[in-house]
């Protein structure tokens, strides 16, 4: 298991990788573009070269993209759908250019049209972008906290999307612990984690789980909202992360922590704590392309 942070690129992409390395990151998440804008900026040749060089020099792996928050693949509004697909295609194109292994996205809201209609729209959109998923890259769908008409707060909804979409192993799952808590999954109970992993395994195979966002939540269980906190400093408590990240069947997965508003040094203090929970890779090879030997 490898741990990292989401780091901005305002100081330049090379500096982002250096900052990650200086603060103990082993993997790294970046936004694929402006997180709150429909306008995307293509990567220059200089940026492509610099990013690939920085990734090689620092050994950050996997490299993760988080798509803009505006993307809504479930929307019944055609203009919004078209803009969402355009942004997702832009993220996938950039991923291929710089060697991103995982492109993480939320699936969106059905806007009152119902979960089933929303799922069908998501599946249609994913099938449309499927040819653009680069070799060596997986598009991963992240669970959300469940506010409003959001799809994917319940993991069974994401399982339904993955089963119906025609992407095979190019489509995976990201679990955000803060969002699971918001949606009512009481991760303090080991049996809840057991049942969740069993549900994923039975529905799409545990190999479909490709990424964790390891965040605590200051909000109440099942409140359908999240306020990210350092692991152990929210309602989940540190024991949840010790249990989850100490499980042998998950030992090969990357974990990204997202604590916006905190400085990188403040965020990095949680990395050492999280690293203490991991165990040696059990030999499970469901995500063979992401298996990396953890440090002792």
Protein backbone atom coordinates (compact mmCIF):
# COMPACT_ATOMS: atom_id res chain seq x y z
CA UNK A 1 0.00 0.00 0.00
CA UNK A 2 1.31 3.41 -1.00
CA UNK A 3 0.18 6.73 0.47
CA UNK A 4 0.08 10.21 -0.99
CA UNK A 5 -1.67 13.57 -1.06
CA UNK A 6 -3.59 15.73 -3.47
CA UNK A 7 -1.25 18.61 -4.33
CA UNK A 8 -1.91 21.70 -6.42
CA UNK A 9 0.15 22.80 -9.40
CA UNK A 10 0.11 26.60 -8.98
CA UNK A 11 3.86 26.64 -8.31
CA UNK A 12 4.57 24.51 -11.38
CA UNK A 13 4.30 20.81 -12.05
CA UNK A 14 7.93 20.02 -11.22
CA UNK A 15 7.56 21.73 -7.87
CA UNK A 16 4.40 19.72 -7.16
CA UNK A 17 6.32 16.48 -7.50
CA UNK A 18 9.22 17.82 -5.45
CA UNK A 19 6.83 18.92 -2.69
CA UNK A 20 5.23 15.49 -2.69
CA UNK A 21 8.60 13.79 -2.37
CA UNK A 22 9.84 16.17 0.33
CA UNK A 23 6.79 15.44 2.46
CA UNK A 24 6.86 11.66 2.22
CA UNK A 25 4.37 10.99 -0.55
CA UNK A 26 4.71 7.74 -2.47
CA UNK A 27 1.88 8.47 -4.92
CA UNK A 28 0.29 11.72 -6.01
CA UNK A 29 -3.08 13.13 -7.05
CA UNK A 30 -3.48 16.22 -9.23
CA UNK A 31 -6.49 17.95 -10.74
CA UNK A 32 -6.78 17.29 -14.46
CA UNK A 33 -7.84 20.90 -14.92
CA UNK A 34 -9.50 23.79 -13.16
CA UNK A 35 -11.86 21.99 -10.73
CA UNK A 36 -14.63 24.59 -11.02
CA UNK A 37 -14.49 25.58 -14.68
CA UNK A 38 -15.86 24.15 -17.91
CA UNK A 39 -12.84 25.52 -19.78
CA UNK A 40 -9.93 23.11 -20.15
CA UNK A 41 -6.37 24.04 -20.97
CA UNK A 42 -4.43 21.51 -23.07
CA UNK A 43 -0.99 20.48 -21.89
CA UNK A 44 1.93 22.07 -23.68
CA UNK A 45 4.74 19.87 -24.96
CA UNK A 46 6.96 21.44 -22.30
CA UNK A 47 4.49 20.49 -19.54
CA UNK A 48 4.26 16.93 -20.84
CA UNK A 49 8.03 16.49 -20.86
CA UNK A 50 8.43 18.08 -17.41
CA UNK A 51 5.66 15.97 -15.85
CA UNK A 52 7.02 12.70 -17.18
CA UNK A 53 10.52 13.61 -16.04
CA UNK A 54 9.32 14.61 -12.57
CA UNK A 55 7.36 11.40 -12.17
CA UNK A 56 10.39 9.33 -13.14
CA UNK A 57 12.80 11.29 -10.94
CA UNK A 58 10.60 11.16 -7.82
CA UNK A 59 9.19 7.67 -8.29
CA UNK A 60 5.63 8.84 -7.62
CA UNK A 61 3.35 5.97 -8.57
CA UNK A 62 0.60 5.70 -9.29
CA UNK A 63 -0.13 9.17 -10.60
CA UNK A 64 -3.81 10.01 -10.15
CA UNK A 65 -5.95 12.62 -11.88
CA UNK A 66 -9.07 14.02 -10.20
CA UNK A 67 -11.49 15.45 -12.76
CA UNK A 68 -13.32 18.80 -12.28
CA UNK A 69 -16.26 18.80 -9.89
CA UNK A 70 -18.62 20.13 -12.56
CA UNK A 71 -18.80 16.82 -14.40
CA UNK A 72 -22.28 15.31 -14.28
CA UNK A 73 -22.68 12.18 -16.37
CA UNK A 74 -26.18 11.53 -14.99
CA UNK A 75 -27.74 14.84 -15.98
CA UNK A 76 -30.83 14.95 -18.22
CA UNK A 77 -29.66 18.33 -19.56
CA UNK A 78 -27.99 17.80 -22.91
CA UNK A 79 -25.69 20.83 -22.77
CA UNK A 80 -24.43 19.84 -19.32
CA UNK A 81 -23.95 16.26 -20.49
CA UNK A 82 -21.97 17.36 -23.55
CA UNK A 83 -19.77 19.65 -21.46
CA UNK A 84 -19.19 16.88 -18.92
CA UNK A 85 -18.11 14.41 -21.59
CA UNK A 86 -15.81 17.03 -23.10
CA UNK A 87 -14.09 17.58 -19.73
CA UNK A 88 -13.77 13.86 -19.12
CA UNK A 89 -12.30 13.31 -22.57
CA UNK A 90 -9.82 16.12 -21.91
CA UNK A 91 -8.72 14.45 -18.67
CA UNK A 92 -8.26 11.11 -20.42
CA UNK A 93 -6.27 12.70 -23.23
CA UNK A 94 -3.93 14.37 -20.74
CA UNK A 95 -3.64 11.13 -18.79
CA UNK A 96 -2.29 9.40 -21.85
CA UNK A 97 0.15 12.22 -22.51
CA UNK A 98 1.80 12.16 -19.06
CA UNK A 99 1.30 8.56 -17.94
CA UNK A 100 -1.51 8.91 -15.41
CA UNK A 101 -2.56 5.47 -14.15
CA UNK A 102 -5.92 6.42 -12.60
CA UNK A 103 -8.45 9.06 -13.66
CA UNK A 104 -10.87 9.58 -10.78
CA UNK A 105 -14.31 11.12 -11.31
CA UNK A 106 -17.64 11.56 -9.59
CA UNK A 107 -20.60 10.40 -11.67
CA UNK A 108 -23.04 13.20 -10.88
CA UNK A 109 -26.68 13.83 -10.03
CA UNK A 110 -29.89 12.63 -11.68
CA UNK A 111 -31.56 16.03 -11.10
CA UNK A 112 -34.88 14.54 -10.05
CA UNK A 113 -35.17 12.05 -12.91
CA UNK A 114 -34.53 9.05 -10.64
CA UNK A 115 -31.59 6.78 -9.88
CA UNK A 116 -32.29 4.27 -12.65
CA UNK A 117 -32.53 6.96 -15.33
CA UNK A 118 -29.35 8.51 -13.99
CA UNK A 119 -27.48 5.22 -14.06
CA UNK A 120 -28.50 4.66 -17.67
CA UNK A 121 -27.18 8.08 -18.62
CA UNK A 122 -23.90 7.45 -16.81
CA UNK A 123 -23.45 4.12 -18.59
CA UNK A 124 -24.17 5.75 -21.95
CA UNK A 125 -21.64 8.51 -21.28
CA UNK A 126 -18.97 6.05 -20.13
CA UNK A 127 -19.46 3.92 -23.24
CA UNK A 128 -19.04 7.07 -25.31
CA UNK A 129 -15.66 7.92 -23.74
CA UNK A 130 -14.46 4.30 -23.56
CA UNK A 131 -12.31 4.45 -26.73
CA UNK A 132 -10.41 7.40 -25.23
CA UNK A 133 -9.19 5.58 -22.11
CA UNK A 134 -5.42 5.30 -22.68
CA UNK A 135 -3.50 2.06 -22.47
CA UNK A 136 -2.31 1.49 -18.92
CA UNK A 137 -4.95 3.80 -17.48
CA UNK A 138 -8.14 3.06 -15.53
CA UNK A 139 -11.11 5.39 -15.18
CA UNK A 140 -12.27 5.09 -11.56
CA UNK A 141 -15.67 6.12 -10.22
CA UNK A 142 -15.68 7.67 -6.76
CA UNK A 143 -18.49 7.27 -4.25
CA UNK A 144 -20.01 10.50 -2.99
CA UNK A 145 -21.55 11.66 0.29
CA UNK A 146 -25.08 11.53 -1.11
CA UNK A 147 -26.26 15.11 -1.00
CA UNK A 148 -29.31 15.94 -3.12
CA UNK A 149 -29.83 13.62 -6.07
CA UNK A 150 -26.25 12.37 -6.22
CA UNK A 151 -25.69 8.90 -7.62
CA UNK A 152 -22.98 6.71 -6.15
CA UNK A 153 -23.32 7.38 -2.43
CA UNK A 154 -24.51 3.81 -2.18
CA UNK A 155 -21.80 1.54 -3.54
CA UNK A 156 -24.37 -0.76 -5.13
CA UNK A 157 -25.20 2.08 -7.55
CA UNK A 158 -21.59 2.28 -8.73
CA UNK A 159 -21.50 -1.51 -9.00
CA UNK A 160 -24.55 -1.32 -11.27
CA UNK A 161 -22.81 1.26 -13.46
CA UNK A 162 -19.63 -0.79 -13.74
CA UNK A 163 -21.54 -3.97 -14.57
CA UNK A 164 -23.51 -2.30 -17.36
CA UNK A 165 -20.76 -0.19 -18.90
CA UNK A 166 -18.67 -1.72 -21.66
CA UNK A 167 -15.20 -0.83 -20.41
CA UNK A 168 -13.94 -4.05 -18.84
CA UNK A 169 -10.85 -3.55 -16.71
CA UNK A 170 -10.52 0.05 -17.90
CA UNK A 171 -13.24 0.98 -15.39
CA UNK A 172 -12.74 0.76 -11.64
CA UNK A 173 -13.86 1.99 -8.26
CA UNK A 174 -12.52 4.53 -5.76
CA UNK A 175 -13.77 4.50 -2.17
CA UNK A 176 -13.63 7.70 -0.15
CA UNK A 177 -13.92 6.88 3.55
CA UNK A 178 -15.39 10.28 4.45
CA UNK A 179 -18.08 9.82 1.82
CA UNK A 180 -18.85 6.29 2.96
CA UNK A 181 -19.41 7.66 6.46
CA UNK A 182 -21.66 10.44 5.13
CA UNK A 183 -23.73 7.87 3.26
CA UNK A 184 -24.32 5.82 6.40
CA UNK A 185 -21.59 3.18 6.30
CA UNK A 186 -20.44 2.88 9.92
CA UNK A 187 -16.86 1.88 9.23
CA UNK A 188 -16.18 1.68 12.96
CA UNK A 189 -17.82 -1.75 12.76
CA UNK A 190 -15.45 -4.28 11.16
CA UNK A 191 -18.48 -6.21 9.92
CA UNK A 192 -19.54 -3.20 7.85
CA UNK A 193 -16.17 -3.17 6.11
CA UNK A 194 -16.41 -6.94 5.66
CA UNK A 195 -19.85 -6.63 4.08
CA UNK A 196 -18.80 -3.74 1.85
CA UNK A 197 -15.79 -5.59 0.45
CA UNK A 198 -17.90 -8.73 0.01
CA UNK A 199 -20.53 -6.72 -1.89
CA UNK A 200 -17.89 -5.33 -4.24
CA UNK A 201 -16.32 -8.75 -4.72
CA UNK A 202 -19.67 -10.38 -5.50
CA UNK A 203 -20.81 -7.57 -7.77
CA UNK A 204 -17.79 -6.72 -9.93
CA UNK A 205 -14.82 -8.44 -8.30
CA UNK A 206 -12.56 -6.92 -5.66
CA UNK A 207 -9.96 -6.28 -8.36
CA UNK A 208 -12.24 -3.47 -9.54
CA UNK A 209 -11.36 -1.52 -6.40
CA UNK A 210 -8.37 0.54 -7.51
CA UNK A 211 -8.02 3.50 -5.14
CA UNK A 212 -8.85 4.82 -1.68
CA UNK A 213 -9.34 8.39 -0.61
CA UNK A 214 -8.39 8.11 3.06
CA UNK A 215 -10.24 10.96 4.76
CA UNK A 216 -11.95 11.37 8.11
CA UNK A 217 -15.25 13.25 8.35
CA UNK A 218 -16.23 15.88 10.91
CA UNK A 219 -19.92 15.43 10.08
CA UNK A 220 -22.34 12.94 11.61
CA UNK A 221 -22.82 9.38 10.35
CA UNK A 222 -25.37 9.25 7.53
CA UNK A 223 -25.62 13.03 7.33
CA UNK A 224 -25.07 13.07 3.54
CA UNK A 225 -22.39 15.74 3.86
CA UNK A 226 -18.67 15.73 4.47
CA UNK A 227 -16.03 17.93 6.00
CA UNK A 228 -12.65 16.31 5.52
CA UNK A 229 -10.40 15.89 8.52
CA UNK A 230 -7.09 14.17 9.15
CA UNK A 231 -7.53 10.45 9.80
CA UNK A 232 -8.36 10.08 13.48
CA UNK A 233 -9.46 13.70 13.90
CA UNK A 234 -13.06 13.27 12.79
CA UNK A 235 -16.00 11.06 13.61
CA UNK A 236 -14.53 7.89 12.09
CA UNK A 237 -11.56 7.68 14.44
CA UNK A 238 -8.09 6.29 13.85
CA UNK A 239 -9.07 2.66 14.48
CA UNK A 240 -11.11 2.65 11.26
CA UNK A 241 -8.02 3.41 9.19
CA UNK A 242 -5.90 0.90 11.10
CA UNK A 243 -8.48 -1.80 10.34
CA UNK A 244 -9.10 -0.87 6.71
CA UNK A 245 -5.53 -0.24 5.62
CA UNK A 246 -4.19 -3.21 7.53
CA UNK A 247 -6.22 -5.74 5.57
CA UNK A 248 -4.14 -8.14 3.45
CA UNK A 249 -6.53 -8.13 0.47
CA UNK A 250 -6.08 -4.36 0.15
CA UNK A 251 -2.31 -4.24 0.60
CA UNK A 252 -1.64 -3.46 -3.07
CA UNK A 253 -3.85 -0.35 -3.30
CA UNK A 254 -2.85 3.33 -3.29
CA UNK A 255 -4.35 5.76 -0.77
CA UNK A 256 -4.69 9.49 -1.36
CA UNK A 257 -5.53 11.86 1.51
CA UNK A 258 -7.40 15.07 0.71
CA UNK A 259 -7.51 17.82 3.33
CA UNK A 260 -8.12 21.10 1.49
CA UNK A 261 -7.36 24.21 3.49
CA UNK A 262 -4.47 22.64 5.38
CA UNK A 263 -0.90 23.34 4.35
CA UNK A 264 1.05 20.48 2.81
CA UNK A 265 3.21 20.08 5.96
CA UNK A 266 0.02 19.86 8.02
CA UNK A 267 -1.40 17.24 5.69
CA UNK A 268 1.86 15.32 5.54
CA UNK A 269 1.87 14.63 9.26
CA UNK A 270 -0.85 12.04 8.65
CA UNK A 271 1.23 10.16 6.10
CA UNK A 272 3.54 8.63 8.68
CA UNK A 273 0.61 7.52 10.82
CA UNK A 274 -1.10 5.87 7.85
CA UNK A 275 2.09 4.16 6.71
CA UNK A 276 2.29 2.50 10.10
CA UNK A 277 -0.94 0.62 9.43
CA UNK A 278 0.05 -1.08 6.20
CA UNK A 279 1.24 -4.65 5.96
CA UNK A 280 3.29 -6.45 3.36
CA UNK A 281 1.55 -7.27 0.09
CA UNK A 282 -0.30 -10.56 0.56
CA UNK A 283 0.32 -11.71 -3.00
CA UNK A 284 -3.12 -10.73 -4.28
CA UNK A 285 -2.74 -9.67 -7.90
CA UNK A 286 -6.14 -8.29 -8.86
CA UNK A 287 -4.55 -4.94 -9.81
CA UNK A 288 -1.20 -6.28 -10.96
CA UNK A 289 -0.36 -3.07 -12.79
CA UNK A 290 -0.52 -1.14 -9.53
CA UNK A 291 1.21 -3.60 -7.21
CA UNK A 292 4.25 -1.99 -5.64
CA UNK A 293 6.25 -3.38 -2.74
CA UNK A 294 5.58 -1.27 0.40
CA UNK A 295 8.48 -0.02 2.45
CA UNK A 296 9.05 -1.83 5.70
